[in-house]
Amino acid sequence: MVFMQDGRGFNEGHGPQFLLCGVLDQLRQEGASRFSLGACPMAFKAPAPPDNPWFYTHVFRWLHDSSLGNQLFPFRSLTHFKAKFAPRWEPVFLAAWPRVGFRSLYAGCRMWGLFDPPPQSRLASRAPAG
């Protein structure tokens, strides 16, 4: 799923909403009963596990809600845009072995498009045409 975004975030205008509704209608006609809007990093819409570290919860919640965090990635506007469709929010977890360190956290953030385009999009742009 590709969301169009300008510098103001995901919820400006109705273009992306119109396109998404068209895709959902088409998929429903083709028999789809479930559709994922993808991740909403740090939105905290689904219940957190009971052993969720207090410090991380507050840091990530601050990133989601703060102006600084939203300069890195439009967390709030993405959450607001997706909330329009009344989704069933489900938690997504990042795990690494033997522990989550700086490199694994950085790789997880890149999957969400923070810092630069995710590796999959760079590979797709290098694919030969035709």
C-alpha atoms as a PDB file:
ATOM      1  CA  MET A   1       0.000   0.000   0.000  1.00  0.00           C
ATOM      2  CA  VAL A   2       1.388   3.391  -0.941  1.00  0.00           C
ATOM      3  CA  PHE A   3       0.210   6.529   0.816  1.00  0.00           C
ATOM      4  CA  MET A   4       0.780   9.877  -0.814  1.00  0.00           C
ATOM      5  CA  GLN A   5       2.246  12.392   1.544  1.00  0.00           C
ATOM      6  CA  ASP A   6       3.138  16.030   1.238  1.00  0.00           C
ATOM      7  CA  GLY A   7       5.139  18.000   3.794  1.00  0.00           C
ATOM      8  CA  ARG A   8       2.059  18.496   5.976  1.00  0.00           C
ATOM      9  CA  GLY A   9       1.313  14.839   6.658  1.00  0.00           C
ATOM     10  CA  PHE A  10      -1.054  12.093   5.579  1.00  0.00           C
ATOM     11  CA  ASN A  11      -4.356  13.713   6.468  1.00  0.00           C
ATOM     12  CA  GLU A  12      -4.329  16.729   4.149  1.00  0.00           C
ATOM     13  CA  GLY A  13      -7.085  16.779   1.559  1.00  0.00           C
ATOM     14  CA  HIS A  14      -9.102  13.807   0.431  1.00  0.00           C
ATOM     15  CA  GLY A  15      -6.912  12.339  -2.331  1.00  0.00           C
ATOM     16  CA  PRO A  16      -5.360   9.498  -0.329  1.00  0.00           C
ATOM     17  CA  GLN A  17      -8.691   8.711   1.355  1.00  0.00           C
ATOM     18  CA  PHE A  18     -10.461   8.580  -2.025  1.00  0.00           C
ATOM     19  CA  LEU A  19      -7.790   6.275  -3.470  1.00  0.00           C
ATOM     20  CA  LEU A  20      -7.827   3.970  -0.459  1.00  0.00           C
ATOM     21  CA  CYS A  21     -11.624   3.687  -0.501  1.00  0.00           C
ATOM     22  CA  GLY A  22     -11.454   2.777  -4.201  1.00  0.00           C
ATOM     23  CA  VAL A  23      -8.885   0.064  -3.492  1.00  0.00           C
ATOM     24  CA  LEU A  24     -10.949  -1.296  -0.591  1.00  0.00           C
ATOM     25  CA  ASP A  25     -14.111  -1.399  -2.707  1.00  0.00           C
ATOM     26  CA  GLN A  26     -12.269  -3.233  -5.482  1.00  0.00           C
ATOM     27  CA  LEU A  27     -10.783  -5.757  -3.063  1.00  0.00           C
ATOM     28  CA  ARG A  28     -14.188  -6.353  -1.441  1.00  0.00           C
ATOM     29  CA  GLN A  29     -15.683  -7.039  -4.893  1.00  0.00           C
ATOM     30  CA  GLU A  30     -12.878  -9.533  -5.493  1.00  0.00           C
ATOM     31  CA  GLY A  31     -13.762 -11.377  -2.271  1.00  0.00           C
ATOM     32  CA  ALA A  32     -11.316  -9.926   0.256  1.00  0.00           C
ATOM     33  CA  SER A  33     -12.699  -9.767   3.786  1.00  0.00           C
ATOM     34  CA  ARG A  34      -9.586  -8.392   5.542  1.00  0.00           C
ATOM     35  CA  PHE A  35      -7.198  -5.616   4.631  1.00  0.00           C
ATOM     36  CA  SER A  36      -4.169  -4.211   6.446  1.00  0.00           C
ATOM     37  CA  LEU A  37      -3.462  -0.509   6.499  1.00  0.00           C
ATOM     38  CA  GLY A  38       0.046  -1.298   7.708  1.00  0.00           C
ATOM     39  CA  ALA A  39       1.835  -0.173  10.824  1.00  0.00           C
ATOM     40  CA  CYS A  40       1.229   3.014  12.774  1.00  0.00           C
ATOM     41  CA  PRO A  41       4.507   3.268  14.651  1.00  0.00           C
ATOM     42  CA  MET A  42       4.179   4.105  18.330  1.00  0.00           C
ATOM     43  CA  ALA A  43       0.434   4.861  18.149  1.00  0.00           C
ATOM     44  CA  PHE A  44      -0.403   2.874  21.327  1.00  0.00           C
ATOM     45  CA  LYS A  45      -3.914   2.116  20.056  1.00  0.00           C
ATOM     46  CA  ALA A  46      -3.779  -1.564  21.032  1.00  0.00           C
ATOM     47  CA  PRO A  47      -3.236  -2.628  24.657  1.00  0.00           C
ATOM     48  CA  ALA A  48       0.435  -2.919  25.591  1.00  0.00           C
ATOM     49  CA  PRO A  49       1.695  -6.162  27.090  1.00  0.00           C
ATOM     50  CA  PRO A  50       1.883  -6.103  30.908  1.00  0.00           C
ATOM     51  CA  ASP A  51       5.678  -6.454  30.926  1.00  0.00           C
ATOM     52  CA  ASN A  52       6.198  -3.464  28.593  1.00  0.00           C
ATOM     53  CA  PRO A  53       9.124  -1.430  30.003  1.00  0.00           C
ATOM     54  CA  TRP A  54       7.913   1.863  31.490  1.00  0.00           C
ATOM     55  CA  PHE A  55      10.827   3.890  30.078  1.00  0.00           C
ATOM     56  CA  TYR A  56      10.330   2.730  26.477  1.00  0.00           C
ATOM     57  CA  THR A  57       6.593   3.309  26.674  1.00  0.00           C
ATOM     58  CA  HIS A  58       7.095   6.928  27.719  1.00  0.00           C
ATOM     59  CA  VAL A  59       9.877   7.606  25.175  1.00  0.00           C
ATOM     60  CA  PHE A  60       7.872   6.169  22.286  1.00  0.00           C
ATOM     61  CA  ARG A  61       4.675   7.904  23.378  1.00  0.00           C
ATOM     62  CA  TRP A  62       6.624  11.182  23.536  1.00  0.00           C
ATOM     63  CA  LEU A  63       8.036  10.595  20.021  1.00  0.00           C
ATOM     64  CA  HIS A  64       4.515   9.946  18.705  1.00  0.00           C
ATOM     65  CA  ASP A  65       3.031  13.043  20.349  1.00  0.00           C
ATOM     66  CA  SER A  66       5.886  15.569  20.142  1.00  0.00           C
ATOM     67  CA  SER A  67       6.674  18.058  17.396  1.00  0.00           C
ATOM     68  CA  LEU A  68      10.265  16.803  17.300  1.00  0.00           C
ATOM     69  CA  GLY A  69       9.196  13.185  16.833  1.00  0.00           C
ATOM     70  CA  ASN A  70       6.794  14.220  14.086  1.00  0.00           C
ATOM     71  CA  GLN A  71       9.574  16.018  12.248  1.00  0.00           C
ATOM     72  CA  LEU A  72      11.318  12.640  11.987  1.00  0.00           C
ATOM     73  CA  PHE A  73       8.151  10.847  10.824  1.00  0.00           C
ATOM     74  CA  PRO A  74       4.499  11.987  10.690  1.00  0.00           C
ATOM     75  CA  PHE A  75       3.333   9.662  13.481  1.00  0.00           C
ATOM     76  CA  ARG A  76       0.262  11.671  14.529  1.00  0.00           C
ATOM     77  CA  SER A  77      -1.073  12.420  11.053  1.00  0.00           C
ATOM     78  CA  LEU A  78      -0.628   8.803   9.943  1.00  0.00           C
ATOM     79  CA  THR A  79      -2.495   7.573  13.031  1.00  0.00           C
ATOM     80  CA  HIS A  80      -5.235  10.174  12.462  1.00  0.00           C
ATOM     81  CA  PHE A  81      -5.570   9.230   8.778  1.00  0.00           C
ATOM     82  CA  LYS A  82      -5.865   5.511   9.463  1.00  0.00           C
ATOM     83  CA  ALA A  83      -8.274   6.039  12.384  1.00  0.00           C
ATOM     84  CA  LYS A  84     -10.831   7.410   9.866  1.00  0.00           C
ATOM     85  CA  PHE A  85     -11.359   3.855   8.638  1.00  0.00           C
ATOM     86  CA  ALA A  86     -12.195   2.468  12.104  1.00  0.00           C
ATOM     87  CA  PRO A  87      -9.510  -0.241  11.990  1.00  0.00           C
ATOM     88  CA  ARG A  88      -8.998  -3.036  14.466  1.00  0.00           C
ATOM     89  CA  TRP A  89      -5.731  -1.920  16.046  1.00  0.00           C
ATOM     90  CA  GLU A  90      -3.274  -4.764  16.666  1.00  0.00           C
ATOM     91  CA  PRO A  91       0.177  -4.451  18.242  1.00  0.00           C
ATOM     92  CA  VAL A  92       3.276  -5.029  16.134  1.00  0.00           C
ATOM     93  CA  PHE A  93       6.511  -5.909  17.890  1.00  0.00           C
ATOM     94  CA  LEU A  94      10.157  -5.579  16.928  1.00  0.00           C
ATOM     95  CA  ALA A  95      12.372  -8.408  18.131  1.00  0.00           C
ATOM     96  CA  ALA A  96      16.019  -9.231  17.655  1.00  0.00           C
ATOM     97  CA  TRP A  97      18.323 -11.913  18.946  1.00  0.00           C
ATOM     98  CA  PRO A  98      20.197 -11.992  21.269  1.00  0.00           C
ATOM     99  CA  ARG A  99      18.903  -8.513  22.238  1.00  0.00           C
ATOM    100  CA  VAL A 100      17.440  -5.402  20.683  1.00  0.00           C
ATOM    101  CA  GLY A 101      20.392  -3.086  20.188  1.00  0.00           C
ATOM    102  CA  PHE A 102      21.006   0.094  18.253  1.00  0.00           C
ATOM    103  CA  ARG A 103      21.413  -1.671  14.890  1.00  0.00           C
ATOM    104  CA  SER A 104      18.228  -3.726  15.205  1.00  0.00           C
ATOM    105  CA  LEU A 105      16.248  -0.675  16.376  1.00  0.00           C
ATOM    106  CA  TYR A 106      17.626   1.327  13.437  1.00  0.00           C
ATOM    107  CA  ALA A 107      16.694  -1.494  11.017  1.00  0.00           C
ATOM    108  CA  GLY A 108      13.187  -1.651  12.487  1.00  0.00           C
ATOM    109  CA  CYS A 109      12.754   2.108  12.129  1.00  0.00           C
ATOM    110  CA  ARG A 110      13.903   1.921   8.501  1.00  0.00           C
ATOM    111  CA  MET A 111      11.177  -0.679   7.819  1.00  0.00           C
ATOM    112  CA  TRP A 112       8.676   2.040   8.785  1.00  0.00           C
ATOM    113  CA  GLY A 113      10.380   4.554   6.493  1.00  0.00           C
ATOM    114  CA  LEU A 114      12.253   6.568   9.092  1.00  0.00           C
ATOM    115  CA  PHE A 115      15.651   8.002   8.162  1.00  0.00           C
ATOM    116  CA  ASP A 116      15.502   6.978   4.494  1.00  0.00           C
ATOM    117  CA  PRO A 117      13.394   4.771   2.212  1.00  0.00           C
ATOM    118  CA  PRO A 118      13.209   1.140   3.353  1.00  0.00           C
ATOM    119  CA  PRO A 119      15.504  -1.326   1.553  1.00  0.00           C
ATOM    120  CA  GLN A 120      12.557  -2.945  -0.270  1.00  0.00           C
ATOM    121  CA  SER A 121      11.697   0.312  -2.077  1.00  0.00           C
ATOM    122  CA  ARG A 122      15.298   0.844  -3.181  1.00  0.00           C
ATOM    123  CA  LEU A 123      15.414  -2.697  -4.551  1.00  0.00           C
ATOM    124  CA  ALA A 124      12.141  -2.212  -6.397  1.00  0.00           C
ATOM    125  CA  SER A 125      13.432   0.987  -8.006  1.00  0.00           C
ATOM    126  CA  ARG A 126      16.504  -0.902  -9.283  1.00  0.00           C
ATOM    127  CA  ALA A 127      14.461  -3.693 -10.863  1.00  0.00           C
ATOM    128  CA  PRO A 128      14.659  -3.811 -14.665  1.00  0.00           C
ATOM    129  CA  ALA A 129      11.586  -2.528 -16.456  1.00  0.00           C
ATOM    130  CA  GLY A 130       9.400  -4.894 -18.402  1.00  0.00           C
END
